[in-house]
């Protein structure tokens, strides 16, 4: 089954990292990504640009409106994701716990609906 691991972190905290700390953190991400590739659980993954580059789109009464920024102000911002393949939720949670940002932010794990099986 596929699971989406949404990575939330405080952008301010990440921006304040020293170059050495930032390099080490990204090294952990590279090692994690390689480990789930080797284990056959990796489906996709990407990092996102900072939250100030977001645009929120709404259609109300047939009218398009856009606002700069995210849908809601939060302490942690969505910074990226992994789409993984796991046997069950327990395995997905074990994989998500290894994502480096689990130590500094949070990882939301959600099963992906497979419409081909409905």
N, C-alpha and C. Protein backbone atom coordinates (compact mmCIF):
# COMPACT_ATOMS: atom_id res chain seq x y z
N UNK A 1 0.84 -1.17 0.00
CA UNK A 1 0.00 0.00 0.00
C UNK A 1 0.89 1.24 0.00
N UNK A 2 0.40 2.28 -0.67
CA UNK A 2 1.18 3.52 -0.72
C UNK A 2 0.74 4.47 0.40
N UNK A 3 1.72 5.17 0.96
CA UNK A 3 1.49 6.15 2.01
C UNK A 3 2.23 7.43 1.65
N UNK A 4 1.59 8.55 1.95
CA UNK A 4 2.21 9.85 1.76
C UNK A 4 2.72 10.33 3.11
N UNK A 5 3.99 10.67 3.16
CA UNK A 5 4.61 11.21 4.36
C UNK A 5 4.84 12.69 4.12
N UNK A 6 4.03 13.52 4.77
CA UNK A 6 4.13 14.97 4.63
C UNK A 6 5.07 15.49 5.70
N UNK A 7 6.08 16.22 5.28
CA UNK A 7 7.15 16.66 6.18
C UNK A 7 6.90 18.11 6.59
N UNK A 8 6.72 18.33 7.89
CA UNK A 8 6.51 19.67 8.43
C UNK A 8 7.69 20.05 9.30
N UNK A 9 8.19 21.24 9.10
CA UNK A 9 9.31 21.76 9.86
C UNK A 9 9.13 23.25 10.03
N UNK A 10 9.85 23.83 10.96
CA UNK A 10 9.85 25.28 11.11
C UNK A 10 10.89 25.85 10.15
N UNK A 11 10.43 26.55 9.13
CA UNK A 11 11.36 27.13 8.16
C UNK A 11 12.36 28.06 8.82
N UNK A 12 11.90 28.78 9.83
CA UNK A 12 12.79 29.72 10.54
C UNK A 12 13.95 28.96 11.17
N UNK A 13 13.64 27.83 11.80
CA UNK A 13 14.69 27.01 12.42
C UNK A 13 15.69 26.51 11.38
N UNK A 14 15.18 26.06 10.24
CA UNK A 14 16.06 25.56 9.18
C UNK A 14 16.93 26.68 8.63
N UNK A 15 16.36 27.87 8.48
CA UNK A 15 17.10 29.01 7.93
C UNK A 15 18.20 29.47 8.88
N UNK A 16 18.04 29.23 10.17
CA UNK A 16 19.02 29.66 11.16
C UNK A 16 20.15 28.65 11.36
N UNK A 17 20.07 27.50 10.70
CA UNK A 17 21.13 26.50 10.84
C UNK A 17 22.44 27.03 10.26
N UNK A 18 23.53 26.66 10.87
CA UNK A 18 24.83 26.99 10.29
C UNK A 18 25.00 26.18 9.01
N UNK A 19 25.89 26.62 8.12
CA UNK A 19 26.13 25.82 6.91
C UNK A 19 26.54 24.38 7.23
N UNK A 20 27.32 24.19 8.28
CA UNK A 20 27.74 22.84 8.65
C UNK A 20 26.55 22.01 9.12
N UNK A 21 25.69 22.59 9.96
CA UNK A 21 24.52 21.86 10.45
C UNK A 21 23.55 21.57 9.31
N UNK A 22 23.36 22.54 8.43
CA UNK A 22 22.48 22.34 7.28
C UNK A 22 23.01 21.24 6.38
N UNK A 23 24.30 21.24 6.13
CA UNK A 23 24.91 20.19 5.31
C UNK A 23 24.76 18.82 5.93
N UNK A 24 24.93 18.74 7.25
CA UNK A 24 24.78 17.46 7.94
C UNK A 24 23.34 16.98 7.88
N UNK A 25 22.39 17.91 8.06
CA UNK A 25 20.96 17.57 8.01
C UNK A 25 20.60 17.04 6.63
N UNK A 26 21.05 17.73 5.58
CA UNK A 26 20.77 17.27 4.21
C UNK A 26 21.47 15.95 3.93
N UNK A 27 22.62 15.74 4.51
CA UNK A 27 23.30 14.45 4.38
C UNK A 27 22.46 13.32 4.96
N UNK A 28 21.79 13.60 6.09
CA UNK A 28 20.90 12.61 6.69
C UNK A 28 19.73 12.31 5.74
N UNK A 29 19.20 13.36 5.11
CA UNK A 29 18.11 13.16 4.15
C UNK A 29 18.57 12.31 2.97
N UNK A 30 19.76 12.60 2.45
CA UNK A 30 20.28 11.82 1.32
C UNK A 30 20.45 10.36 1.71
N UNK A 31 20.95 10.11 2.91
CA UNK A 31 21.14 8.73 3.38
C UNK A 31 19.80 8.04 3.57
N UNK A 32 18.82 8.75 4.14
CA UNK A 32 17.49 8.17 4.32
C UNK A 32 16.88 7.81 2.97
N UNK A 33 16.93 8.75 2.03
CA UNK A 33 16.35 8.51 0.70
C UNK A 33 17.00 7.30 0.05
N UNK A 34 18.30 7.22 0.13
CA UNK A 34 19.00 6.08 -0.47
C UNK A 34 18.59 4.78 0.20
N UNK A 35 18.38 4.81 1.53
CA UNK A 35 18.01 3.58 2.24
C UNK A 35 16.63 3.08 1.83
N UNK A 36 15.67 3.99 1.62
CA UNK A 36 14.34 3.50 1.21
C UNK A 36 14.31 3.16 -0.27
N UNK A 37 15.22 3.75 -1.05
CA UNK A 37 15.34 3.31 -2.45
C UNK A 37 15.86 1.88 -2.48
N UNK A 38 16.91 1.64 -1.73
CA UNK A 38 17.51 0.29 -1.68
C UNK A 38 16.52 -0.73 -1.12
N UNK A 39 15.67 -0.31 -0.18
CA UNK A 39 14.70 -1.21 0.43
C UNK A 39 13.44 -1.41 -0.39
N UNK A 40 13.32 -0.68 -1.50
CA UNK A 40 12.17 -0.84 -2.38
C UNK A 40 10.92 -0.10 -1.92
N UNK A 41 11.04 0.78 -0.92
CA UNK A 41 9.86 1.49 -0.42
C UNK A 41 9.68 2.86 -1.07
N UNK A 42 10.69 3.38 -1.72
CA UNK A 42 10.63 4.72 -2.31
C UNK A 42 9.78 4.70 -3.58
N UNK A 43 8.80 5.60 -3.64
CA UNK A 43 8.01 5.80 -4.85
C UNK A 43 8.34 7.17 -5.44
N UNK A 44 8.33 8.20 -4.59
CA UNK A 44 8.65 9.56 -5.02
C UNK A 44 8.95 10.41 -3.79
N UNK A 45 9.55 11.54 -4.03
CA UNK A 45 9.80 12.48 -2.94
C UNK A 45 10.34 13.78 -3.51
N UNK A 46 9.96 14.87 -2.89
CA UNK A 46 10.42 16.19 -3.33
C UNK A 46 10.45 17.14 -2.15
N UNK A 47 11.32 18.12 -2.23
CA UNK A 47 11.33 19.23 -1.29
C UNK A 47 10.56 20.39 -1.93
N UNK A 48 10.01 21.25 -1.09
CA UNK A 48 9.25 22.40 -1.58
C UNK A 48 10.01 23.69 -1.31
N UNK A 49 9.78 24.68 -2.15
CA UNK A 49 10.33 26.00 -1.89
C UNK A 49 9.66 26.56 -0.63
N UNK A 50 10.24 27.61 -0.02
CA UNK A 50 9.67 28.17 1.21
C UNK A 50 8.21 28.58 1.07
N UNK A 51 7.52 28.60 2.20
CA UNK A 51 6.08 28.85 2.24
C UNK A 51 5.70 30.20 1.64
N UNK A 52 6.59 31.19 1.69
CA UNK A 52 6.23 32.49 1.12
C UNK A 52 6.09 32.44 -0.40
N UNK A 53 6.50 31.35 -1.04
CA UNK A 53 6.33 31.22 -2.49
C UNK A 53 4.99 30.57 -2.85
N UNK A 54 4.22 30.17 -1.83
CA UNK A 54 2.94 29.49 -2.07
C UNK A 54 1.87 30.48 -2.53
N UNK A 55 0.93 29.96 -3.28
CA UNK A 55 -0.27 30.69 -3.66
C UNK A 55 -1.45 29.78 -3.41
N UNK A 56 -2.47 30.30 -2.73
CA UNK A 56 -3.67 29.53 -2.44
C UNK A 56 -4.75 29.93 -3.43
N UNK A 57 -5.40 28.93 -4.04
CA UNK A 57 -6.44 29.15 -5.04
C UNK A 57 -7.79 28.74 -4.47
N UNK A 58 -8.79 29.58 -4.69
CA UNK A 58 -10.17 29.27 -4.29
C UNK A 58 -11.11 29.68 -5.40
N UNK A 59 -12.19 28.94 -5.56
CA UNK A 59 -13.27 29.35 -6.46
C UNK A 59 -14.52 29.45 -5.60
N UNK A 60 -15.09 30.63 -5.56
CA UNK A 60 -16.32 30.88 -4.80
C UNK A 60 -17.30 31.59 -5.73
N UNK A 61 -18.51 31.05 -5.80
CA UNK A 61 -19.53 31.64 -6.67
C UNK A 61 -19.03 31.80 -8.10
N UNK A 62 -18.24 30.81 -8.56
CA UNK A 62 -17.73 30.83 -9.92
C UNK A 62 -16.58 31.78 -10.16
N UNK A 63 -16.10 32.45 -9.12
CA UNK A 63 -15.02 33.42 -9.26
C UNK A 63 -13.72 32.86 -8.69
N UNK A 64 -12.66 32.99 -9.46
CA UNK A 64 -11.33 32.57 -9.02
C UNK A 64 -10.73 33.67 -8.16
N UNK A 65 -10.19 33.26 -7.02
CA UNK A 65 -9.41 34.20 -6.21
C UNK A 65 -8.13 33.51 -5.79
N UNK A 66 -7.08 34.27 -5.70
CA UNK A 66 -5.80 33.75 -5.26
C UNK A 66 -5.28 34.63 -4.13
N UNK A 67 -4.59 34.01 -3.20
CA UNK A 67 -3.92 34.76 -2.14
C UNK A 67 -2.50 34.25 -2.03
N UNK A 68 -1.60 35.16 -1.76
CA UNK A 68 -0.21 34.78 -1.56
C UNK A 68 -0.09 34.05 -0.24
N UNK A 69 0.74 33.03 -0.24
CA UNK A 69 1.02 32.31 0.99
C UNK A 69 0.17 31.07 1.16
N UNK A 70 0.36 30.40 2.28
CA UNK A 70 -0.33 29.14 2.55
C UNK A 70 -1.78 29.37 2.95
N UNK A 71 -2.53 28.29 3.01
CA UNK A 71 -3.94 28.32 3.40
C UNK A 71 -4.09 28.82 4.84
N UNK A 72 -3.18 28.40 5.74
CA UNK A 72 -3.29 28.76 7.15
C UNK A 72 -1.91 29.06 7.72
N UNK A 73 -1.87 29.96 8.67
CA UNK A 73 -0.64 30.24 9.40
C UNK A 73 -0.42 29.13 10.43
N UNK A 74 0.75 28.55 10.42
CA UNK A 74 1.06 27.51 11.39
C UNK A 74 2.50 27.67 11.85
N UNK A 75 2.82 27.04 12.97
CA UNK A 75 4.19 27.08 13.47
C UNK A 75 5.13 26.30 12.54
N UNK A 76 4.64 25.16 12.05
CA UNK A 76 5.42 24.34 11.13
C UNK A 76 4.84 24.45 9.73
N UNK A 77 5.72 24.42 8.74
CA UNK A 77 5.30 24.54 7.36
C UNK A 77 5.60 23.24 6.61
N UNK A 78 4.75 22.96 5.61
CA UNK A 78 4.97 21.80 4.76
C UNK A 78 6.21 22.06 3.92
N UNK A 79 7.21 21.21 4.07
CA UNK A 79 8.48 21.43 3.39
C UNK A 79 8.79 20.42 2.31
N UNK A 80 8.05 19.33 2.29
CA UNK A 80 8.31 18.30 1.29
C UNK A 80 7.52 17.05 1.60
N UNK A 81 7.78 16.01 0.84
CA UNK A 81 7.04 14.77 1.03
C UNK A 81 7.83 13.59 0.50
N UNK A 82 7.45 12.44 0.99
CA UNK A 82 7.85 11.16 0.41
C UNK A 82 6.58 10.38 0.14
N UNK A 83 6.51 9.76 -1.01
CA UNK A 83 5.48 8.78 -1.30
C UNK A 83 6.17 7.43 -1.20
N UNK A 84 5.70 6.61 -0.28
CA UNK A 84 6.37 5.33 -0.02
C UNK A 84 5.42 4.17 -0.25
N UNK A 85 6.00 3.00 -0.39
CA UNK A 85 5.25 1.76 -0.49
C UNK A 85 5.58 0.96 0.76
N UNK A 86 4.56 0.63 1.54
CA UNK A 86 4.76 -0.12 2.78
C UNK A 86 3.70 -1.22 2.87
N UNK A 87 4.02 -2.26 3.62
CA UNK A 87 3.07 -3.38 3.76
C UNK A 87 1.82 -2.96 4.52
N UNK A 88 1.98 -2.08 5.51
CA UNK A 88 0.85 -1.65 6.33
C UNK A 88 1.22 -0.33 7.03
N UNK A 89 0.28 0.20 7.80
CA UNK A 89 0.51 1.46 8.49
C UNK A 89 1.68 1.37 9.45
N UNK A 90 1.82 0.27 10.14
CA UNK A 90 2.93 0.12 11.08
C UNK A 90 4.28 0.28 10.38
N UNK A 91 4.45 -0.37 9.23
CA UNK A 91 5.71 -0.22 8.50
C UNK A 91 5.88 1.22 8.01
N UNK A 92 4.79 1.84 7.54
CA UNK A 92 4.86 3.23 7.09
C UNK A 92 5.30 4.15 8.22
N UNK A 93 4.78 3.92 9.43
CA UNK A 93 5.16 4.74 10.58
C UNK A 93 6.62 4.52 10.95
N UNK A 94 7.09 3.29 10.83
CA UNK A 94 8.50 3.01 11.12
C UNK A 94 9.41 3.73 10.13
N UNK A 95 9.01 3.76 8.87
CA UNK A 95 9.78 4.48 7.85
C UNK A 95 9.73 5.97 8.13
N UNK A 96 8.55 6.50 8.41
CA UNK A 96 8.40 7.94 8.67
C UNK A 96 9.22 8.38 9.87
N UNK A 97 9.35 7.53 10.85
CA UNK A 97 10.12 7.87 12.05
C UNK A 97 11.60 8.06 11.74
N UNK A 98 12.06 7.53 10.62
CA UNK A 98 13.47 7.68 10.21
C UNK A 98 13.72 8.94 9.40
N UNK A 99 12.67 9.65 8.99
CA UNK A 99 12.84 10.90 8.25
C UNK A 99 13.47 11.91 9.20
N UNK A 100 14.58 12.54 8.82
CA UNK A 100 15.28 13.45 9.75
C UNK A 100 14.40 14.50 10.40
N UNK A 101 13.43 15.05 9.70
CA UNK A 101 12.59 16.10 10.28
C UNK A 101 11.65 15.59 11.37
N UNK A 102 11.54 14.28 11.56
CA UNK A 102 10.73 13.76 12.66
C UNK A 102 11.31 14.22 14.00
N UNK A 103 12.62 14.51 14.03
CA UNK A 103 13.28 14.96 15.26
C UNK A 103 13.08 16.45 15.52
N UNK A 104 12.82 17.23 14.48
CA UNK A 104 12.74 18.68 14.64
C UNK A 104 11.36 19.24 14.33
N UNK A 105 10.55 18.49 13.61
CA UNK A 105 9.21 18.93 13.23
C UNK A 105 8.25 17.77 13.39
N UNK A 106 7.49 17.49 12.36
CA UNK A 106 6.55 16.37 12.42
C UNK A 106 6.35 15.79 11.02
N UNK A 107 5.94 14.53 11.00
CA UNK A 107 5.67 13.83 9.75
C UNK A 107 4.22 13.34 9.82
N UNK A 108 3.41 13.77 8.88
CA UNK A 108 2.03 13.28 8.80
C UNK A 108 2.01 12.13 7.80
N UNK A 109 1.50 10.99 8.23
CA UNK A 109 1.45 9.80 7.38
C UNK A 109 0.00 9.52 7.03
N UNK A 110 -0.27 9.44 5.72
CA UNK A 110 -1.64 9.19 5.27
C UNK A 110 -1.64 8.15 4.17
N UNK A 111 -2.55 7.17 4.26
CA UNK A 111 -2.66 6.19 3.18
C UNK A 111 -3.21 6.86 1.92
N UNK A 112 -2.75 6.39 0.78
CA UNK A 112 -3.20 6.90 -0.52
C UNK A 112 -4.32 6.00 -1.02
N UNK A 113 -5.40 6.59 -1.45
CA UNK A 113 -6.53 5.83 -1.98
C UNK A 113 -6.13 5.26 -3.34
N UNK A 114 -6.38 3.98 -3.52
CA UNK A 114 -6.13 3.32 -4.80
C UNK A 114 -7.48 3.14 -5.49
N UNK A 115 -7.83 4.07 -6.36
CA UNK A 115 -9.13 4.03 -7.04
C UNK A 115 -9.25 2.85 -7.99
N UNK A 116 -8.14 2.24 -8.38
CA UNK A 116 -8.22 1.10 -9.29
C UNK A 116 -8.79 -0.14 -8.60
N UNK A 117 -8.82 -0.13 -7.27
CA UNK A 117 -9.31 -1.28 -6.51
C UNK A 117 -10.72 -1.06 -5.97
N UNK A 118 -11.38 -0.03 -6.44
CA UNK A 118 -12.74 0.24 -5.95
C UNK A 118 -13.78 -0.14 -6.96
